[in-house]
Structure formats: C-alpha cells, structure tokens
PDB file of N, CA and C in Angstrom:
ATOM      1  N   MET A   1       7.218  14.860  -3.307  1.00  0.00           N
ATOM      2  CA  MET A   1       8.321  14.005  -2.901  1.00  0.00           C
ATOM      3  C   MET A   1       9.065  13.441  -4.115  1.00  0.00           C
ATOM      4  N   THR A   2       8.337  13.219  -5.217  1.00  0.00           N
ATOM      5  CA  THR A   2       8.982  12.651  -6.404  1.00  0.00           C
ATOM      6  C   THR A   2       9.387  13.717  -7.405  1.00  0.00           C
ATOM      7  N   GLY A   3       8.970  14.958  -7.171  1.00  0.00           N
ATOM      8  CA  GLY A   3       9.307  16.031  -8.082  1.00  0.00           C
ATOM      9  C   GLY A   3       8.263  16.295  -9.153  1.00  0.00           C
ATOM     10  N   LYS A   4       7.161  15.534  -9.148  1.00  0.00           N
ATOM     11  CA  LYS A   4       6.084  15.786 -10.105  1.00  0.00           C
ATOM     12  C   LYS A   4       4.743  15.489  -9.451  1.00  0.00           C
ATOM     13  N   TRP A   5       3.695  16.124  -9.993  1.00  0.00           N
ATOM     14  CA  TRP A   5       2.357  15.925  -9.469  1.00  0.00           C
ATOM     15  C   TRP A   5       1.843  14.544  -9.880  1.00  0.00           C
ATOM     16  N   PRO A   6       1.004  13.927  -9.024  1.00  0.00           N
ATOM     17  CA  PRO A   6       0.423  12.630  -9.410  1.00  0.00           C
ATOM     18  C   PRO A   6      -0.490  12.779 -10.625  1.00  0.00           C
ATOM     19  N   GLU A   7      -0.555  11.740 -11.409  1.00  0.00           N
ATOM     20  CA  GLU A   7      -1.370  11.769 -12.624  1.00  0.00           C
ATOM     21  C   GLU A   7      -2.865  11.885 -12.310  1.00  0.00           C
ATOM     22  N   HIS A   8      -3.326  11.197 -11.240  1.00  0.00           N
ATOM     23  CA  HIS A   8      -4.750  11.197 -10.895  1.00  0.00           C
ATOM     24  C   HIS A   8      -4.951  11.739  -9.478  1.00  0.00           C
ATOM     25  N   GLU A   9      -5.000  10.850  -8.506  1.00  0.00           N
ATOM     26  CA  GLU A   9      -5.228  11.220  -7.109  1.00  0.00           C
ATOM     27  C   GLU A   9      -4.162  10.577  -6.234  1.00  0.00           C
ATOM     28  N   VAL A  10      -4.145  10.970  -4.974  1.00  0.00           N
ATOM     29  CA  VAL A  10      -3.259  10.351  -3.992  1.00  0.00           C
ATOM     30  C   VAL A  10      -4.130   9.553  -3.030  1.00  0.00           C
ATOM     31  N   ASP A  11      -3.769   8.299  -2.793  1.00  0.00           N
ATOM     32  CA  ASP A  11      -4.511   7.405  -1.915  1.00  0.00           C
ATOM     33  C   ASP A  11      -3.703   7.169  -0.647  1.00  0.00           C
ATOM     34  N   HIS A  12      -4.379   7.201   0.496  1.00  0.00           N
ATOM     35  CA  HIS A  12      -3.746   6.837   1.766  1.00  0.00           C
ATOM     36  C   HIS A  12      -3.939   5.334   1.939  1.00  0.00           C
ATOM     37  N   ILE A  13      -2.868   4.588   1.904  1.00  0.00           N
ATOM     38  CA  ILE A  13      -2.934   3.123   1.923  1.00  0.00           C
ATOM     39  C   ILE A  13      -3.712   2.618   3.125  1.00  0.00           C
ATOM     40  N   ASN A  14      -3.476   3.197   4.308  1.00  0.00           N
ATOM     41  CA  ASN A  14      -4.150   2.713   5.517  1.00  0.00           C
ATOM     42  C   ASN A  14      -5.466   3.439   5.800  1.00  0.00           C
ATOM     43  N   CYS A  15      -5.952   4.241   4.846  1.00  0.00           N
ATOM     44  CA  CYS A  15      -7.232   4.962   4.934  1.00  0.00           C
ATOM     45  C   CYS A  15      -7.256   6.061   5.988  1.00  0.00           C
ATOM     46  N   ASP A  16      -6.117   6.456   6.510  1.00  0.00           N
ATOM     47  CA  ASP A  16      -6.062   7.503   7.528  1.00  0.00           C
ATOM     48  C   ASP A  16      -5.489   8.768   6.906  1.00  0.00           C
ATOM     49  N   PRO A  17      -6.353   9.741   6.552  1.00  0.00           N
ATOM     50  CA  PRO A  17      -5.864  10.946   5.885  1.00  0.00           C
ATOM     51  C   PRO A  17      -4.942  11.801   6.741  1.00  0.00           C
ATOM     52  N   SER A  18      -4.950  11.595   8.057  1.00  0.00           N
ATOM     53  CA  SER A  18      -4.047  12.368   8.907  1.00  0.00           C
ATOM     54  C   SER A  18      -2.624  11.802   8.881  1.00  0.00           C
ATOM     55  N   GLU A  19      -2.463  10.602   8.350  1.00  0.00           N
ATOM     56  CA  GLU A  19      -1.133   9.995   8.266  1.00  0.00           C
ATOM     57  C   GLU A  19      -0.598  10.169   6.846  1.00  0.00           C
ATOM     58  N   ALA A  20       0.090  11.285   6.629  1.00  0.00           N
ATOM     59  CA  ALA A  20       0.540  11.653   5.293  1.00  0.00           C
ATOM     60  C   ALA A  20       2.026  11.347   5.075  1.00  0.00           C
ATOM     61  N   ARG A  21       2.535  10.317   5.750  1.00  0.00           N
ATOM     62  CA  ARG A  21       3.915   9.911   5.479  1.00  0.00           C
ATOM     63  C   ARG A  21       3.996   9.397   4.048  1.00  0.00           C
ATOM     64  N   PHE A  22       5.107   9.653   3.399  1.00  0.00           N
ATOM     65  CA  PHE A  22       5.265   9.279   1.999  1.00  0.00           C
ATOM     66  C   PHE A  22       5.050   7.780   1.786  1.00  0.00           C
ATOM     67  N   CYS A  23       5.479   6.939   2.736  1.00  0.00           N
ATOM     68  CA  CYS A  23       5.323   5.487   2.585  1.00  0.00           C
ATOM     69  C   CYS A  23       3.859   5.056   2.682  1.00  0.00           C
ATOM     70  N   ASN A  24       2.963   5.955   3.142  1.00  0.00           N
ATOM     71  CA  ASN A  24       1.542   5.634   3.244  1.00  0.00           C
ATOM     72  C   ASN A  24       0.746   6.180   2.053  1.00  0.00           C
ATOM     73  N   LEU A  25       1.427   6.801   1.093  1.00  0.00           N
ATOM     74  CA  LEU A  25       0.756   7.412  -0.050  1.00  0.00           C
ATOM     75  C   LEU A  25       1.088   6.673  -1.335  1.00  0.00           C
ATOM     76  N   ARG A  26       0.127   6.651  -2.248  1.00  0.00           N
ATOM     77  CA  ARG A  26       0.346   6.060  -3.569  1.00  0.00           C
ATOM     78  C   ARG A  26      -0.585   6.726  -4.570  1.00  0.00           C
ATOM     79  N   GLN A  27      -0.187   6.698  -5.820  1.00  0.00           N
ATOM     80  CA  GLN A  27      -1.042   7.220  -6.873  1.00  0.00           C
ATOM     81  C   GLN A  27      -2.208   6.263  -7.088  1.00  0.00           C
ATOM     82  N   ALA A  28      -3.359   6.826  -7.394  1.00  0.00           N
ATOM     83  CA  ALA A  28      -4.554   5.998  -7.615  1.00  0.00           C
ATOM     84  C   ALA A  28      -5.518   6.721  -8.538  1.00  0.00           C
ATOM     85  N   THR A  29      -6.260   5.943  -9.298  1.00  0.00           N
ATOM     86  CA  THR A  29      -7.361   6.514 -10.061  1.00  0.00           C
ATOM     87  C   THR A  29      -8.510   6.754  -9.082  1.00  0.00           C
ATOM     88  N   ARG A  30      -9.530   7.454  -9.509  1.00  0.00           N
ATOM     89  CA  ARG A  30     -10.687   7.696  -8.645  1.00  0.00           C
ATOM     90  C   ARG A  30     -11.320   6.373  -8.218  1.00  0.00           C
ATOM     91  N   SER A  31     -11.435   5.451  -9.154  1.00  0.00           N
ATOM     92  CA  SER A  31     -12.030   4.145  -8.879  1.00  0.00           C
ATOM     93  C   SER A  31     -11.212   3.372  -7.839  1.00  0.00           C
ATOM     94  N   GLN A  32      -9.898   3.384  -7.968  1.00  0.00           N
ATOM     95  CA  GLN A  32      -9.035   2.695  -7.006  1.00  0.00           C
ATOM     96  C   GLN A  32      -9.141   3.345  -5.634  1.00  0.00           C
ATOM     97  N   ASN A  33      -9.188   4.667  -5.603  1.00  0.00           N
ATOM     98  CA  ASN A  33      -9.293   5.375  -4.336  1.00  0.00           C
ATOM     99  C   ASN A  33     -10.612   5.042  -3.643  1.00  0.00           C
ATOM    100  N   GLU A  34     -11.697   4.961  -4.409  1.00  0.00           N
ATOM    101  CA  GLU A  34     -12.997   4.590  -3.844  1.00  0.00           C
ATOM    102  C   GLU A  34     -12.991   3.149  -3.328  1.00  0.00           C
ATOM    103  N   ALA A  35     -12.290   2.268  -4.027  1.00  0.00           N
ATOM    104  CA  ALA A  35     -12.230   0.862  -3.611  1.00  0.00           C
ATOM    105  C   ALA A  35     -11.522   0.708  -2.278  1.00  0.00           C
ATOM    106  N   ASN A  36     -10.602   1.612  -1.970  1.00  0.00           N
ATOM    107  CA  ASN A  36      -9.826   1.518  -0.742  1.00  0.00           C
ATOM    108  C   ASN A  36     -10.451   2.306   0.410  1.00  0.00           C
ATOM    109  N   LYS A  37     -11.664   2.813   0.243  1.00  0.00           N
ATOM    110  CA  LYS A  37     -12.323   3.553   1.316  1.00  0.00           C
ATOM    111  C   LYS A  37     -12.721   2.613   2.442  1.00  0.00           C
ATOM    112  N   ARG A  38     -12.695   3.146   3.644  1.00  0.00           N
ATOM    113  CA  ARG A  38     -13.225   2.393   4.779  1.00  0.00           C
ATOM    114  C   ARG A  38     -14.732   2.280   4.591  1.00  0.00           C
ATOM    115  N   PRO A  39     -15.276   1.124   4.895  1.00  0.00           N
ATOM    116  CA  PRO A  39     -16.729   0.983   4.728  1.00  0.00           C
ATOM    117  C   PRO A  39     -17.488   1.849   5.722  1.00  0.00           C
ATOM    118  N   LYS A  40     -18.629   2.365   5.289  1.00  0.00           N
ATOM    119  CA  LYS A  40     -19.492   3.137   6.184  1.00  0.00           C
ATOM    120  C   LYS A  40     -20.258   2.187   7.099  1.00  0.00           C
ATOM    121  N   ARG A  41     -20.308   0.942   6.675  1.00  0.00           N
ATOM    122  CA  ARG A  41     -20.990  -0.075   7.472  1.00  0.00           C
ATOM    123  C   ARG A  41     -19.978  -1.165   7.772  1.00  0.00           C
ATOM    124  N   GLU A  42     -20.330  -2.058   8.636  1.00  0.00           N
ATOM    125  CA  GLU A  42     -19.399  -3.104   9.048  1.00  0.00           C
ATOM    126  C   GLU A  42     -19.071  -4.075   7.924  1.00  0.00           C
ATOM    127  N   THR A  43     -20.031  -4.342   7.053  1.00  0.00           N
ATOM    128  CA  THR A  43     -19.824  -5.335   5.995  1.00  0.00           C
ATOM    129  C   THR A  43     -19.956  -4.698   4.628  1.00  0.00           C
ATOM    130  N   LYS A  44     -18.897  -4.120   4.148  1.00  0.00           N
ATOM    131  CA  LYS A  44     -18.877  -3.420   2.860  1.00  0.00           C
ATOM    132  C   LYS A  44     -19.304  -4.357   1.730  1.00  0.00           C
ATOM    133  N   GLY A  45     -20.307  -3.932   0.956  1.00  0.00           N
ATOM    134  CA  GLY A  45     -20.746  -4.687  -0.213  1.00  0.00           C
ATOM    135  C   GLY A  45     -21.708  -5.816   0.077  1.00  0.00           C
ATOM    136  N   ILE A  46     -21.939  -6.140   1.354  1.00  0.00           N
ATOM    137  CA  ILE A  46     -22.817  -7.257   1.722  1.00  0.00           C
ATOM    138  C   ILE A  46     -24.062  -6.693   2.403  1.00  0.00           C
ATOM    139  N   TYR A  47     -25.218  -7.083   1.884  1.00  0.00           N
ATOM    140  CA  TYR A  47     -26.484  -6.589   2.395  1.00  0.00           C
ATOM    141  C   TYR A  47     -27.359  -7.762   2.810  1.00  0.00           C
ATOM    142  N   VAL A  48     -28.197  -7.547   3.815  1.00  0.00           N
ATOM    143  CA  VAL A  48     -29.051  -8.607   4.345  1.00  0.00           C
ATOM    144  C   VAL A  48     -30.490  -8.342   3.935  1.00  0.00           C
ATOM    145  N   TYR A  49     -31.147  -9.411   3.470  1.00  0.00           N
ATOM    146  CA  TYR A  49     -32.571  -9.341   3.157  1.00  0.00           C
ATOM    147  C   TYR A  49     -33.279 -10.329   4.076  1.00  0.00           C
ATOM    148  N   GLU A  50     -34.204  -9.821   4.879  1.00  0.00           N
ATOM    149  CA  GLU A  50     -34.945 -10.685   5.797  1.00  0.00           C
ATOM    150  C   GLU A  50     -36.433 -10.596   5.476  1.00  0.00           C
ATOM    151  N   SER A  51     -37.044 -11.779   5.381  1.00  0.00           N
ATOM    152  CA  SER A  51     -38.481 -11.865   5.160  1.00  0.00           C
ATOM    153  C   SER A  51     -39.015 -12.982   6.044  1.00  0.00           C
ATOM    154  N   GLY A  52     -39.668 -12.596   7.116  1.00  0.00           N
ATOM    155  CA  GLY A  52     -40.149 -13.601   8.058  1.00  0.00           C
ATOM    156  C   GLY A  52     -38.968 -14.308   8.707  1.00  0.00           C
ATOM    157  N   THR A  53     -38.913 -15.626   8.539  1.00  0.00           N
ATOM    158  CA  THR A  53     -37.809 -16.394   9.117  1.00  0.00           C
ATOM    159  C   THR A  53     -36.681 -16.613   8.106  1.00  0.00           C
ATOM    160  N   CYS A  54     -36.867 -16.153   6.886  1.00  0.00           N
ATOM    161  CA  CYS A  54     -35.876 -16.335   5.823  1.00  0.00           C
ATOM    162  C   CYS A  54     -34.880 -15.166   5.831  1.00  0.00           C
ATOM    163  N   LYS A  55     -33.607 -15.490   5.794  1.00  0.00           N
ATOM    164  CA  LYS A  55     -32.560 -14.472   5.778  1.00  0.00           C
ATOM    165  C   LYS A  55     -31.569 -14.823   4.673  1.00  0.00           C
ATOM    166  N   THR A  56     -31.367 -13.910   3.731  1.00  0.00           N
ATOM    167  CA  THR A  56     -30.389 -14.125   2.670  1.00  0.00           C
ATOM    168  C   THR A  56     -29.462 -12.909   2.593  1.00  0.00           C
ATOM    169  N   TYR A  57     -28.313 -13.124   1.994  1.00  0.00           N
ATOM    170  CA  TYR A  57     -27.306 -12.076   1.856  1.00  0.00           C
ATOM    171  C   TYR A  57     -27.064 -11.832   0.374  1.00  0.00           C
ATOM    172  N   TYR A  58     -27.057 -10.587  -0.022  1.00  0.00           N
ATOM    173  CA  TYR A  58     -26.732 -10.301  -1.419  1.00  0.00           C
ATOM    174  C   TYR A  58     -25.526  -9.373  -1.460  1.00  0.00           C
ATOM    175  N   VAL A  59     -24.778  -9.509  -2.542  1.00  0.00           N
ATOM    176  CA  VAL A  59     -23.508  -8.806  -2.667  1.00  0.00           C
ATOM    177  C   VAL A  59     -23.554  -7.878  -3.863  1.00  0.00           C
ATOM    178  N   ARG A  60     -23.111  -6.651  -3.639  1.00  0.00           N
ATOM    179  CA  ARG A  60     -22.995  -5.677  -4.722  1.00  0.00           C
ATOM    180  C   ARG A  60     -21.624  -5.015  -4.630  1.00  0.00           C
ATOM    181  N   VAL A  61     -21.105  -4.636  -5.783  1.00  0.00           N
ATOM    182  CA  VAL A  61     -19.830  -3.934  -5.839  1.00  0.00           C
ATOM    183  C   VAL A  61     -19.915  -2.858  -6.918  1.00  0.00           C
ATOM    184  N   ARG A  62     -19.261  -1.743  -6.676  1.00  0.00           N
ATOM    185  CA  ARG A  62     -19.287  -0.642  -7.638  1.00  0.00           C
ATOM    186  C   ARG A  62     -18.067  -0.747  -8.542  1.00  0.00           C
ATOM    187  N   ILE A  63     -18.309  -0.793  -9.855  1.00  0.00           N
ATOM    188  CA  ILE A  63     -17.251  -0.894 -10.853  1.00  0.00           C
ATOM    189  C   ILE A  63     -17.339   0.334 -11.751  1.00  0.00           C
ATOM    190  N   ASN A  64     -16.340   1.193 -11.672  1.00  0.00           N
ATOM    191  CA  ASN A  64     -16.312   2.424 -12.473  1.00  0.00           C
ATOM    192  C   ASN A  64     -17.623   3.202 -12.389  1.00  0.00           C
ATOM    193  N   GLY A  65     -18.151   3.321 -11.177  1.00  0.00           N
ATOM    194  CA  GLY A  65     -19.362   4.098 -10.956  1.00  0.00           C
ATOM    195  C   GLY A  65     -20.660   3.342 -11.146  1.00  0.00           C
ATOM    196  N   THR A  66     -20.596   2.121 -11.656  1.00  0.00           N
ATOM    197  CA  THR A  66     -21.802   1.330 -11.889  1.00  0.00           C
ATOM    198  C   THR A  66     -21.919   0.244 -10.822  1.00  0.00           C
ATOM    199  N   LEU A  67     -23.080   0.179 -10.172  1.00  0.00           N
ATOM    200  CA  LEU A  67     -23.317  -0.814  -9.141  1.00  0.00           C
ATOM    201  C   LEU A  67     -23.675  -2.149  -9.791  1.00  0.00           C
ATOM    202  N   ARG A  68     -22.941  -3.190  -9.463  1.00  0.00           N
ATOM    203  CA  ARG A  68     -23.170  -4.526 -10.028  1.00  0.00           C
ATOM    204  C   ARG A  68     -23.588  -5.503  -8.928  1.00  0.00           C
ATOM    205  N   HIS A  69     -24.616  -6.273  -9.214  1.00  0.00           N
ATOM    206  CA  HIS A  69     -25.087  -7.318  -8.307  1.00  0.00           C
ATOM    207  C   HIS A  69     -24.277  -8.581  -8.578  1.00  0.00           C
ATOM    208  N   LEU A  70     -23.639  -9.146  -7.551  1.00  0.00           N
ATOM    209  CA  LEU A  70     -22.801 -10.331  -7.713  1.00  0.00           C
ATOM    210  C   LEU A  70     -23.503 -11.630  -7.350  1.00  0.00           C
ATOM    211  N   GLY A  71     -24.637 -11.535  -6.687  1.00  0.00           N
ATOM    212  CA  GLY A  71     -25.368 -12.751  -6.357  1.00  0.00           C
ATOM    213  C   GLY A  71     -26.009 -12.695  -4.988  1.00  0.00           C
ATOM    214  N   THR A  72     -26.814 -13.730  -4.720  1.00  0.00           N
ATOM    215  CA  THR A  72     -27.488 -13.880  -3.442  1.00  0.00           C
ATOM    216  C   THR A  72     -26.986 -15.158  -2.801  1.00  0.00           C
ATOM    217  N   PHE A  73     -26.735 -15.120  -1.498  1.00  0.00           N
ATOM    218  CA  PHE A  73     -26.102 -16.242  -0.811  1.00  0.00           C
ATOM    219  C   PHE A  73     -26.859 -16.588   0.464  1.00  0.00           C
ATOM    220  N   LYS A  74     -26.785 -17.856   0.848  1.00  0.00           N
ATOM    221  CA  LYS A  74     -27.494 -18.325   2.034  1.00  0.00           C
ATOM    222  C   LYS A  74     -26.781 -17.933   3.320  1.00  0.00           C
ATOM    223  N   THR A  75     -25.454 -17.826   3.270  1.00  0.00           N
ATOM    224  CA  THR A  75     -24.704 -17.500   4.485  1.00  0.00           C
ATOM    225  C   THR A  75     -23.863 -16.241   4.286  1.00  0.00           C
ATOM    226  N   GLN A  76     -23.562 -15.599   5.402  1.00  0.00           N
ATOM    227  CA  GLN A  76     -22.745 -14.400   5.375  1.00  0.00           C
ATOM    228  C   GLN A  76     -21.314 -14.738   4.924  1.00  0.00           C
ATOM    229  N   LYS A  77     -20.853 -15.907   5.276  1.00  0.00           N
ATOM    230  CA  LYS A  77     -19.500 -16.341   4.899  1.00  0.00           C
ATOM    231  C   LYS A  77     -19.380 -16.501   3.376  1.00  0.00           C
ATOM    232  N   GLU A  78     -20.412 -17.067   2.735  1.00  0.00           N
ATOM    233  CA  GLU A  78     -20.409 -17.194   1.270  1.00  0.00           C
ATOM    234  C   GLU A  78     -20.430 -15.813   0.602  1.00  0.00           C
ATOM    235  N   ALA A  79     -21.215 -14.909   1.167  1.00  0.00           N
ATOM    236  CA  ALA A  79     -21.300 -13.551   0.629  1.00  0.00           C
ATOM    237  C   ALA A  79     -19.954 -12.843   0.773  1.00  0.00           C
ATOM    238  N   GLN A  80     -19.307 -13.024   1.908  1.00  0.00           N
ATOM    239  CA  GLN A  80     -17.990 -12.435   2.147  1.00  0.00           C
ATOM    240  C   GLN A  80     -16.979 -12.940   1.132  1.00  0.00           C
ATOM    241  N   ALA A  81     -16.972 -14.228   0.884  1.00  0.00           N
ATOM    242  CA  ALA A  81     -16.031 -14.811  -0.078  1.00  0.00           C
ATOM    243  C   ALA A  81     -16.271 -14.257  -1.480  1.00  0.00           C
ATOM    244  N   ALA A  82     -17.544 -14.106  -1.868  1.00  0.00           N
ATOM    245  CA  ALA A  82     -17.874 -13.571  -3.193  1.00  0.00           C
ATOM    246  C   ALA A  82     -17.406 -12.123  -3.328  1.00  0.00           C
ATOM    247  N   TYR A  83     -17.663 -11.312  -2.298  1.00  0.00           N
ATOM    248  CA  TYR A  83     -17.233  -9.912  -2.346  1.00  0.00           C
ATOM    249  C   TYR A  83     -15.711  -9.805  -2.403  1.00  0.00           C
ATOM    250  N   ASN A  84     -15.029 -10.528  -1.525  1.00  0.00           N
ATOM    251  CA  ASN A  84     -13.569 -10.452  -1.474  1.00  0.00           C
ATOM    252  C   ASN A  84     -12.933 -10.904  -2.782  1.00  0.00           C
ATOM    253  N   ASN A  85     -13.474 -11.949  -3.385  1.00  0.00           N
ATOM    254  CA  ASN A  85     -12.952 -12.448  -4.659  1.00  0.00           C
ATOM    255  C   ASN A  85     -13.115 -11.393  -5.755  1.00  0.00           C
ATOM    256  N   ALA A  86     -14.297 -10.809  -5.845  1.00  0.00           N
ATOM    257  CA  ALA A  86     -14.561  -9.797  -6.875  1.00  0.00           C
ATOM    258  C   ALA A  86     -13.705  -8.551  -6.644  1.00  0.00           C
ATOM    259  N   ALA A  87     -13.631  -8.089  -5.407  1.00  0.00           N
ATOM    260  CA  ALA A  87     -12.853  -6.886  -5.095  1.00  0.00           C
ATOM    261  C   ALA A  87     -11.371  -7.103  -5.389  1.00  0.00           C
ATOM    262  N   SER A  88     -10.847  -8.257  -5.017  1.00  0.00           N
ATOM    263  CA  SER A  88      -9.435  -8.562  -5.283  1.00  0.00           C
ATOM    264  C   SER A  88      -9.147  -8.616  -6.773  1.00  0.00           C
ATOM    265  N   ASN A  89     -10.051  -9.244  -7.535  1.00  0.00           N
ATOM    266  CA  ASN A  89      -9.859  -9.342  -8.986  1.00  0.00           C
ATOM    267  C   ASN A  89      -9.934  -7.980  -9.665  1.00  0.00           C
ATOM    268  N   MET A  90     -10.823  -7.114  -9.194  1.00  0.00           N
ATOM    269  CA  MET A  90     -11.017  -5.814  -9.839  1.00  0.00           C
ATOM    270  C   MET A  90     -10.004  -4.770  -9.400  1.00  0.00           C
ATOM    271  N   TYR A  91      -9.679  -4.753  -8.108  1.00  0.00           N
ATOM    272  CA  TYR A  91      -8.895  -3.653  -7.568  1.00  0.00           C
ATOM    273  C   TYR A  91      -7.510  -4.039  -7.064  1.00  0.00           C
ATOM    274  N   GLY A  92      -7.193  -5.320  -7.046  1.00  0.00           N
ATOM    275  CA  GLY A  92      -5.861  -5.759  -6.626  1.00  0.00           C
ATOM    276  C   GLY A  92      -5.510  -5.243  -5.242  1.00  0.00           C
ATOM    277  N   SER A  93      -4.357  -4.575  -5.122  1.00  0.00           N
ATOM    278  CA  SER A  93      -3.888  -4.113  -3.815  1.00  0.00           C
ATOM    279  C   SER A  93      -4.739  -2.980  -3.252  1.00  0.00           C
ATOM    280  N   PHE A  94      -5.633  -2.397  -4.053  1.00  0.00           N
ATOM    281  CA  PHE A  94      -6.511  -1.328  -3.578  1.00  0.00           C
ATOM    282  C   PHE A  94      -7.782  -1.888  -2.936  1.00  0.00           C
ATOM    283  N   ALA A  95      -8.032  -3.163  -3.078  1.00  0.00           N
ATOM    284  CA  ALA A  95      -9.271  -3.761  -2.548  1.00  0.00           C
ATOM    285  C   ALA A  95      -9.314  -3.672  -1.042  1.00  0.00           C
ATOM    286  N   ARG A  96     -10.456  -3.298  -0.520  1.00  0.00           N
ATOM    287  CA  ARG A  96     -10.685  -3.282   0.924  1.00  0.00           C
ATOM    288  C   ARG A  96     -11.422  -4.576   1.234  1.00  0.00           C
ATOM    289  N   ILE A  97     -10.704  -5.571   1.741  1.00  0.00           N
ATOM    290  CA  ILE A  97     -11.253  -6.901   1.988  1.00  0.00           C
ATOM    291  C   ILE A  97     -12.147  -6.890   3.233  1.00  0.00           C
ATOM    292  N   VAL A  98     -13.278  -7.569   3.132  1.00  0.00           N
ATOM    293  CA  VAL A  98     -14.245  -7.655   4.216  1.00  0.00           C
ATOM    294  C   VAL A  98     -13.903  -8.841   5.107  1.00  0.00           C
ATOM    295  N   THR A  99     -13.881  -8.589   6.408  1.00  0.00           N
ATOM    296  CA  THR A  99     -13.682  -9.693   7.359  1.00  0.00           C
ATOM    297  C   THR A  99     -14.863  -9.715   8.310  1.00  0.00           C
ATOM    298  N   ILE A 100     -15.458 -10.872   8.444  1.00  0.00           N
ATOM    299  CA  ILE A 100     -16.602 -11.054   9.320  1.00  0.00           C
ATOM    300  C   ILE A 100     -16.213 -12.088  10.371  1.00  0.00           C
ATOM    301  N   GLU A 101     -16.410 -11.724  11.602  1.00  0.00           N
ATOM    302  CA  GLU A 101     -16.023 -12.643  12.681  1.00  0.00           C
ATOM    303  C   GLU A 101     -17.181 -13.422  13.202  1.00  0.00           C
TER     304      GLU A 101
END
C-alpha cells in the first residue's frame, strides 16, 4: 500500500488476522507484535499461586524474549495494575492491556 516492504513485521492492530484492511495494519518489531497478541488465557501476565487458604498473584512480562518477574500481589486488581503499567511503559500503543471484571 505504501510502495515499500515493511522494515520488520506487519501487526494487526485489533489482533484479527482475517481483517487485513490497511487501517488495521502497522509496522512492528517482533517484540511489539508479540506484545499485541491476544492472551491465551484470560489474564495475560498474571498468575495465581494457591497454598491452602493463601492465594497470591504474581506478575510476569516478556521483554525482548526474556521473562521478567514484576512482583507478587495480594489482590488480582493490584496485579492487573502492575502488569498494565509495565506493558504500557514498555510497549506503548502495542500493549495488550488486561481487564479483569
């Protein structure tokens, strides 16, 4: 559409590869494209650890292929805020923000 090949990869903004309208496409590095993937689980980056009656949430995010632990939290809402903050800071408009209802 622009007359030249993308420098890296093409990302589907809404994560739907069947929707290849030009307004839904943007150039992205591999890392940015991975950041914009739909989560395989409901809560991307947030994991639950349960031991007896104790339940804690820990947050991890992948940065340039390296998995980083962001912390352990008492509530799912705190874990969500930590993940969203880190993802937004690292990936900007490519971040896939987690929403927990």
